[in-house]
């Protein structure tokens, strides 16, 4: 039984070490992630500041401040 436990622990240690070696992103992946986040933020900004959406958001805020009336 001791040999089985020891083998299982060794397998877990090997798996943990392998996970640590490949646990992060490289610089190019960070750059692509930042570009994607900025593009998403730009699209979201354009949608929120468009005429119809902006008017609807202002209406929601006004109704909330007026107590829902």
PDB file of N, CA and C in Angstrom:
ATOM      1  N   UNK A   1       0.818  -1.191   0.000  1.00  0.00           N
ATOM      2  CA  UNK A   1       0.000   0.000   0.000  1.00  0.00           C
ATOM      3  C   UNK A   1       0.866   1.260   0.000  1.00  0.00           C
ATOM      4  N   UNK A   2       1.982   1.217   0.743  1.00  0.00           N
ATOM      5  CA  UNK A   2       2.870   2.362   0.797  1.00  0.00           C
ATOM      6  C   UNK A   2       3.417   2.704  -0.587  1.00  0.00           C
ATOM      7  N   UNK A   3       3.732   1.686  -1.376  1.00  0.00           N
ATOM      8  CA  UNK A   3       4.245   1.923  -2.726  1.00  0.00           C
ATOM      9  C   UNK A   3       3.197   2.599  -3.603  1.00  0.00           C
ATOM     10  N   UNK A   4       1.939   2.223  -3.460  1.00  0.00           N
ATOM     11  CA  UNK A   4       0.871   2.825  -4.257  1.00  0.00           C
ATOM     12  C   UNK A   4       0.684   4.292  -3.900  1.00  0.00           C
ATOM     13  N   UNK A   5       0.720   4.589  -2.603  1.00  0.00           N
ATOM     14  CA  UNK A   5       0.582   5.979  -2.152  1.00  0.00           C
ATOM     15  C   UNK A   5       1.764   6.793  -2.642  1.00  0.00           C
ATOM     16  N   UNK A   6       2.950   6.222  -2.532  1.00  0.00           N
ATOM     17  CA  UNK A   6       4.163   6.928  -2.972  1.00  0.00           C
ATOM     18  C   UNK A   6       4.111   7.197  -4.482  1.00  0.00           C
ATOM     19  N   UNK A   7       3.659   6.240  -5.263  1.00  0.00           N
ATOM     20  CA  UNK A   7       3.555   6.421  -6.712  1.00  0.00           C
ATOM     21  C   UNK A   7       2.519   7.496  -7.043  1.00  0.00           C
ATOM     22  N   UNK A   8       1.412   7.487  -6.325  1.00  0.00           N
ATOM     23  CA  UNK A   8       0.368   8.496  -6.572  1.00  0.00           C
ATOM     24  C   UNK A   8       0.877   9.896  -6.240  1.00  0.00           C
ATOM     25  N   UNK A   9       1.595  10.028  -5.132  1.00  0.00           N
ATOM     26  CA  UNK A   9       2.161  11.325  -4.756  1.00  0.00           C
ATOM     27  C   UNK A   9       3.184  11.795  -5.786  1.00  0.00           C
ATOM     28  N   UNK A  10       3.996  10.896  -6.286  1.00  0.00           N
ATOM     29  CA  UNK A  10       4.982  11.252  -7.302  1.00  0.00           C
ATOM     30  C   UNK A  10       4.288  11.734  -8.573  1.00  0.00           C
ATOM     31  N   UNK A  11       3.203  11.073  -8.946  1.00  0.00           N
ATOM     32  CA  UNK A  11       2.455  11.495 -10.134  1.00  0.00           C
ATOM     33  C   UNK A  11       1.853  12.879  -9.932  1.00  0.00           C
ATOM     34  N   UNK A  12       1.335  13.150  -8.745  1.00  0.00           N
ATOM     35  CA  UNK A  12       0.780  14.478  -8.460  1.00  0.00           C
ATOM     36  C   UNK A  12       1.851  15.561  -8.497  1.00  0.00           C
ATOM     37  N   UNK A  13       3.016  15.259  -7.976  1.00  0.00           N
ATOM     38  CA  UNK A  13       4.124  16.221  -7.986  1.00  0.00           C
ATOM     39  C   UNK A  13       4.548  16.508  -9.428  1.00  0.00           C
ATOM     40  N   UNK A  14       4.663  15.465 -10.254  1.00  0.00           N
ATOM     41  CA  UNK A  14       5.033  15.677 -11.659  1.00  0.00           C
ATOM     42  C   UNK A  14       3.997  16.540 -12.371  1.00  0.00           C
ATOM     43  N   UNK A  15       2.718  16.277 -12.105  1.00  0.00           N
ATOM     44  CA  UNK A  15       1.657  17.043 -12.744  1.00  0.00           C
ATOM     45  C   UNK A  15       1.698  18.516 -12.304  1.00  0.00           C
ATOM     46  N   UNK A  16       1.976  18.757 -11.010  1.00  0.00           N
ATOM     47  CA  UNK A  16       2.063  20.120 -10.500  1.00  0.00           C
ATOM     48  C   UNK A  16       3.239  20.864 -11.126  1.00  0.00           C
ATOM     49  N   UNK A  17       4.350  20.192 -11.272  1.00  0.00           N
ATOM     50  CA  UNK A  17       5.524  20.824 -11.890  1.00  0.00           C
ATOM     51  C   UNK A  17       5.265  21.156 -13.358  1.00  0.00           C
ATOM     52  N   UNK A  18       4.600  20.264 -14.054  1.00  0.00           N
ATOM     53  CA  UNK A  18       4.286  20.507 -15.461  1.00  0.00           C
ATOM     54  C   UNK A  18       3.336  21.687 -15.595  1.00  0.00           C
ATOM     55  N   UNK A  19       2.398  21.824 -14.686  1.00  0.00           N
ATOM     56  CA  UNK A  19       1.448  22.933 -14.739  1.00  0.00           C
ATOM     57  C   UNK A  19       2.149  24.259 -14.490  1.00  0.00           C
ATOM     58  N   UNK A  20       3.124  24.277 -13.600  1.00  0.00           N
ATOM     59  CA  UNK A  20       3.844  25.516 -13.321  1.00  0.00           C
ATOM     60  C   UNK A  20       4.671  25.980 -14.510  1.00  0.00           C
ATOM     61  N   UNK A  21       5.220  25.053 -15.270  1.00  0.00           N
ATOM     62  CA  UNK A  21       6.056  25.437 -16.406  1.00  0.00           C
ATOM     63  C   UNK A  21       5.247  26.144 -17.482  1.00  0.00           C
ATOM     64  N   UNK A  22       3.970  25.821 -17.606  1.00  0.00           N
ATOM     65  CA  UNK A  22       3.146  26.390 -18.675  1.00  0.00           C
ATOM     66  C   UNK A  22       1.952  27.136 -18.073  1.00  0.00           C
ATOM     67  N   UNK A  23       2.221  27.982 -17.087  1.00  0.00           N
ATOM     68  CA  UNK A  23       1.137  28.615 -16.349  1.00  0.00           C
ATOM     69  C   UNK A  23       0.858  30.054 -16.779  1.00  0.00           C
ATOM     70  N   UNK A  24       1.668  30.652 -17.640  1.00  0.00           N
ATOM     71  CA  UNK A  24       1.478  32.057 -17.943  1.00  0.00           C
ATOM     72  C   UNK A  24       1.399  32.353 -19.419  1.00  0.00           C
ATOM     73  N   UNK A  25       1.116  33.615 -19.712  1.00  0.00           N
ATOM     74  CA  UNK A  25       1.056  34.056 -21.099  1.00  0.00           C
ATOM     75  C   UNK A  25       2.380  34.709 -21.464  1.00  0.00           C
ATOM     76  N   UNK A  26       2.710  34.642 -22.726  1.00  0.00           N
ATOM     77  CA  UNK A  26       3.896  35.338 -23.210  1.00  0.00           C
ATOM     78  C   UNK A  26       3.510  36.751 -23.602  1.00  0.00           C
ATOM     79  N   UNK A  27       4.482  37.579 -23.873  1.00  0.00           N
ATOM     80  CA  UNK A  27       4.247  38.985 -24.161  1.00  0.00           C
ATOM     81  C   UNK A  27       3.295  39.182 -25.336  1.00  0.00           C
ATOM     82  N   UNK A  28       3.449  38.390 -26.382  1.00  0.00           N
ATOM     83  CA  UNK A  28       2.570  38.555 -27.543  1.00  0.00           C
ATOM     84  C   UNK A  28       1.119  38.234 -27.191  1.00  0.00           C
ATOM     85  N   UNK A  29       0.905  37.272 -26.287  1.00  0.00           N
ATOM     86  CA  UNK A  29      -0.462  36.964 -25.867  1.00  0.00           C
ATOM     87  C   UNK A  29      -1.039  38.105 -25.042  1.00  0.00           C
ATOM     88  N   UNK A  30      -0.230  38.722 -24.189  1.00  0.00           N
ATOM     89  CA  UNK A  30      -0.689  39.891 -23.444  1.00  0.00           C
ATOM     90  C   UNK A  30      -1.074  41.011 -24.405  1.00  0.00           C
ATOM     91  N   UNK A  31      -0.237  41.244 -25.417  1.00  0.00           N
ATOM     92  CA  UNK A  31      -0.513  42.308 -26.385  1.00  0.00           C
ATOM     93  C   UNK A  31      -1.817  42.052 -27.129  1.00  0.00           C
ATOM     94  N   UNK A  32      -2.039  40.827 -27.552  1.00  0.00           N
ATOM     95  CA  UNK A  32      -3.283  40.505 -28.257  1.00  0.00           C
ATOM     96  C   UNK A  32      -4.487  40.649 -27.325  1.00  0.00           C
ATOM     97  N   UNK A  33      -4.332  40.288 -26.075  1.00  0.00           N
ATOM     98  CA  UNK A  33      -5.409  40.454 -25.106  1.00  0.00           C
ATOM     99  C   UNK A  33      -5.743  41.907 -24.886  1.00  0.00           C
ATOM    100  N   UNK A  34      -4.726  42.752 -24.817  1.00  0.00           N
ATOM    101  CA  UNK A  34      -4.954  44.193 -24.640  1.00  0.00           C
ATOM    102  C   UNK A  34      -5.628  44.775 -25.870  1.00  0.00           C
ATOM    103  N   UNK A  35      -5.191  44.386 -27.062  1.00  0.00           N
ATOM    104  CA  UNK A  35      -5.807  44.878 -28.294  1.00  0.00           C
ATOM    105  C   UNK A  35      -7.282  44.471 -28.348  1.00  0.00           C
ATOM    106  N   UNK A  36      -7.570  43.237 -27.994  1.00  0.00           N
ATOM    107  CA  UNK A  36      -8.957  42.763 -28.002  1.00  0.00           C
ATOM    108  C   UNK A  36      -9.793  43.514 -26.978  1.00  0.00           C
ATOM    109  N   UNK A  37      -9.247  43.771 -25.799  1.00  0.00           N
ATOM    110  CA  UNK A  37      -9.988  44.502 -24.769  1.00  0.00           C
ATOM    111  C   UNK A  37     -10.263  45.937 -25.198  1.00  0.00           C
ATOM    112  N   UNK A  38      -9.290  46.575 -25.812  1.00  0.00           N
ATOM    113  CA  UNK A  38      -9.480  47.949 -26.285  1.00  0.00           C
ATOM    114  C   UNK A  38     -10.515  47.993 -27.406  1.00  0.00           C
ATOM    115  N   UNK A  39     -10.472  47.030 -28.313  1.00  0.00           N
ATOM    116  CA  UNK A  39     -11.456  46.983 -29.395  1.00  0.00           C
ATOM    117  C   UNK A  39     -12.861  46.783 -28.837  1.00  0.00           C
ATOM    118  N   UNK A  40     -13.005  45.902 -27.855  1.00  0.00           N
ATOM    119  CA  UNK A  40     -14.317  45.684 -27.240  1.00  0.00           C
ATOM    120  C   UNK A  40     -14.793  46.951 -26.533  1.00  0.00           C
ATOM    121  N   UNK A  41     -13.891  47.624 -25.824  1.00  0.00           N
ATOM    122  CA  UNK A  41     -14.257  48.868 -25.131  1.00  0.00           C
ATOM    123  C   UNK A  41     -14.680  49.933 -26.132  1.00  0.00           C
ATOM    124  N   UNK A  42     -14.009  50.012 -27.268  1.00  0.00           N
ATOM    125  CA  UNK A  42     -14.367  50.993 -28.295  1.00  0.00           C
ATOM    126  C   UNK A  42     -15.751  50.713 -28.865  1.00  0.00           C
ATOM    127  N   UNK A  43     -16.035  49.466 -29.153  1.00  0.00           N
ATOM    128  CA  UNK A  43     -17.362  49.102 -29.668  1.00  0.00           C
ATOM    129  C   UNK A  43     -18.432  49.418 -28.631  1.00  0.00           C
ATOM    130  N   UNK A  44     -18.180  49.061 -27.382  1.00  0.00           N
ATOM    131  CA  UNK A  44     -19.141  49.341 -26.315  1.00  0.00           C
ATOM    132  C   UNK A  44     -19.356  50.839 -26.150  1.00  0.00           C
ATOM    133  N   UNK A  45     -18.298  51.622 -26.232  1.00  0.00           N
ATOM    134  CA  UNK A  45     -18.405  53.080 -26.129  1.00  0.00           C
ATOM    135  C   UNK A  45     -19.249  53.644 -27.262  1.00  0.00           C
ATOM    136  N   UNK A  46     -19.018  53.169 -28.472  1.00  0.00           N
ATOM    137  CA  UNK A  46     -19.790  53.649 -29.621  1.00  0.00           C
ATOM    138  C   UNK A  46     -21.268  53.315 -29.459  1.00  0.00           C
ATOM    139  N   UNK A  47     -21.572  52.122 -28.955  1.00  0.00           N
ATOM    140  CA  UNK A  47     -22.971  51.726 -28.763  1.00  0.00           C
ATOM    141  C   UNK A  47     -23.630  52.589 -27.700  1.00  0.00           C
ATOM    142  N   UNK A  48     -22.942  52.783 -26.584  1.00  0.00           N
ATOM    143  CA  UNK A  48     -23.528  53.531 -25.470  1.00  0.00           C
ATOM    144  C   UNK A  48     -23.697  55.003 -25.811  1.00  0.00           C
ATOM    145  N   UNK A  49     -22.794  55.559 -26.610  1.00  0.00           N
ATOM    146  CA  UNK A  49     -22.895  56.978 -26.934  1.00  0.00           C
ATOM    147  C   UNK A  49     -23.704  57.246 -28.199  1.00  0.00           C
ATOM    148  N   UNK A  50     -24.265  56.208 -28.815  1.00  0.00           N
ATOM    149  CA  UNK A  50     -25.111  56.444 -29.979  1.00  0.00           C
ATOM    150  C   UNK A  50     -26.395  57.139 -29.536  1.00  0.00           C
ATOM    151  N   UNK A  51     -27.052  57.804 -30.443  1.00  0.00           N
ATOM    152  CA  UNK A  51     -28.211  58.624 -30.123  1.00  0.00           C
ATOM    153  C   UNK A  51     -29.323  57.889 -29.406  1.00  0.00           C
ATOM    154  N   UNK A  52     -29.792  56.796 -29.965  1.00  0.00           N
ATOM    155  CA  UNK A  52     -30.924  56.076 -29.386  1.00  0.00           C
ATOM    156  C   UNK A  52     -30.589  55.501 -28.011  1.00  0.00           C
ATOM    157  N   UNK A  53     -29.446  54.879 -27.893  1.00  0.00           N
ATOM    158  CA  UNK A  53     -29.062  54.269 -26.621  1.00  0.00           C
ATOM    159  C   UNK A  53     -28.838  55.346 -25.571  1.00  0.00           C
ATOM    160  N   UNK A  54     -28.202  56.437 -25.957  1.00  0.00           N
ATOM    161  CA  UNK A  54     -27.961  57.524 -25.022  1.00  0.00           C
ATOM    162  C   UNK A  54     -29.268  58.111 -24.510  1.00  0.00           C
ATOM    163  N   UNK A  55     -30.229  58.330 -25.397  1.00  0.00           N
ATOM    164  CA  UNK A  55     -31.532  58.860 -24.979  1.00  0.00           C
ATOM    165  C   UNK A  55     -32.233  57.883 -24.045  1.00  0.00           C
ATOM    166  N   UNK A  56     -32.181  56.610 -24.349  1.00  0.00           N
ATOM    167  CA  UNK A  56     -32.828  55.603 -23.502  1.00  0.00           C
ATOM    168  C   UNK A  56     -32.180  55.548 -22.123  1.00  0.00           C
ATOM    169  N   UNK A  57     -30.848  55.608 -22.075  1.00  0.00           N
ATOM    170  CA  UNK A  57     -30.162  55.607 -20.785  1.00  0.00           C
ATOM    171  C   UNK A  57     -30.504  56.851 -19.968  1.00  0.00           C
ATOM    172  N   UNK A  58     -30.579  58.004 -20.640  1.00  0.00           N
ATOM    173  CA  UNK A  58     -30.959  59.227 -19.937  1.00  0.00           C
ATOM    174  C   UNK A  58     -32.382  59.118 -19.402  1.00  0.00           C
ATOM    175  N   UNK A  59     -33.278  58.530 -20.174  1.00  0.00           N
ATOM    176  CA  UNK A  59     -34.652  58.330 -19.727  1.00  0.00           C
ATOM    177  C   UNK A  59     -34.724  57.421 -18.506  1.00  0.00           C
ATOM    178  N   UNK A  60     -33.929  56.353 -18.508  1.00  0.00           N
ATOM    179  CA  UNK A  60     -33.900  55.437 -17.367  1.00  0.00           C
ATOM    180  C   UNK A  60     -33.406  56.157 -16.121  1.00  0.00           C
ATOM    181  N   UNK A  61     -32.362  56.943 -16.275  1.00  0.00           N
ATOM    182  CA  UNK A  61     -31.803  57.673 -15.126  1.00  0.00           C
ATOM    183  C   UNK A  61     -32.806  58.688 -14.614  1.00  0.00           C
ATOM    184  N   UNK A  62     -33.471  59.423 -15.519  1.00  0.00           N
ATOM    185  CA  UNK A  62     -34.464  60.415 -15.096  1.00  0.00           C
ATOM    186  C   UNK A  62     -35.624  59.749 -14.365  1.00  0.00           C
ATOM    187  N   UNK A  63     -36.102  58.617 -14.885  1.00  0.00           N
ATOM    188  CA  UNK A  63     -37.204  57.916 -14.209  1.00  0.00           C
ATOM    189  C   UNK A  63     -36.759  57.424 -12.835  1.00  0.00           C
ATOM    190  N   UNK A  64     -35.526  56.966 -12.731  1.00  0.00           N
ATOM    191  CA  UNK A  64     -35.018  56.492 -11.437  1.00  0.00           C
ATOM    192  C   UNK A  64     -34.909  57.635 -10.439  1.00  0.00           C
ATOM    193  N   UNK A  65     -34.445  58.785 -10.909  1.00  0.00           N
ATOM    194  CA  UNK A  65     -34.314  59.942 -10.012  1.00  0.00           C
ATOM    195  C   UNK A  65     -35.664  60.556  -9.635  1.00  0.00           C
ATOM    196  N   UNK A  66     -36.643  60.423 -10.518  1.00  0.00           N
ATOM    197  CA  UNK A  66     -37.980  60.950 -10.225  1.00  0.00           C
ATOM    198  C   UNK A  66     -38.799  59.977  -9.384  1.00  0.00           C
ATOM    199  N   UNK A  67     -38.247  58.894  -8.994  1.00  0.00           N
ATOM    200  CA  UNK A  67     -38.963  57.916  -8.182  1.00  0.00           C
ATOM    201  C   UNK A  67     -39.816  56.981  -9.021  1.00  0.00           C
ATOM    202  N   UNK A  68     -39.528  56.824 -10.279  1.00  0.00           N
ATOM    203  CA  UNK A  68     -40.267  55.895 -11.123  1.00  0.00           C
ATOM    204  C   UNK A  68     -41.524  56.494 -11.744  1.00  0.00           C
ATOM    205  N   UNK A  69     -41.763  57.770 -11.522  1.00  0.00           N
ATOM    206  CA  UNK A  69     -42.972  58.398 -12.056  1.00  0.00           C
ATOM    207  C   UNK A  69     -42.843  58.746 -13.516  1.00  0.00           C
TER     208      UNK A  69
END
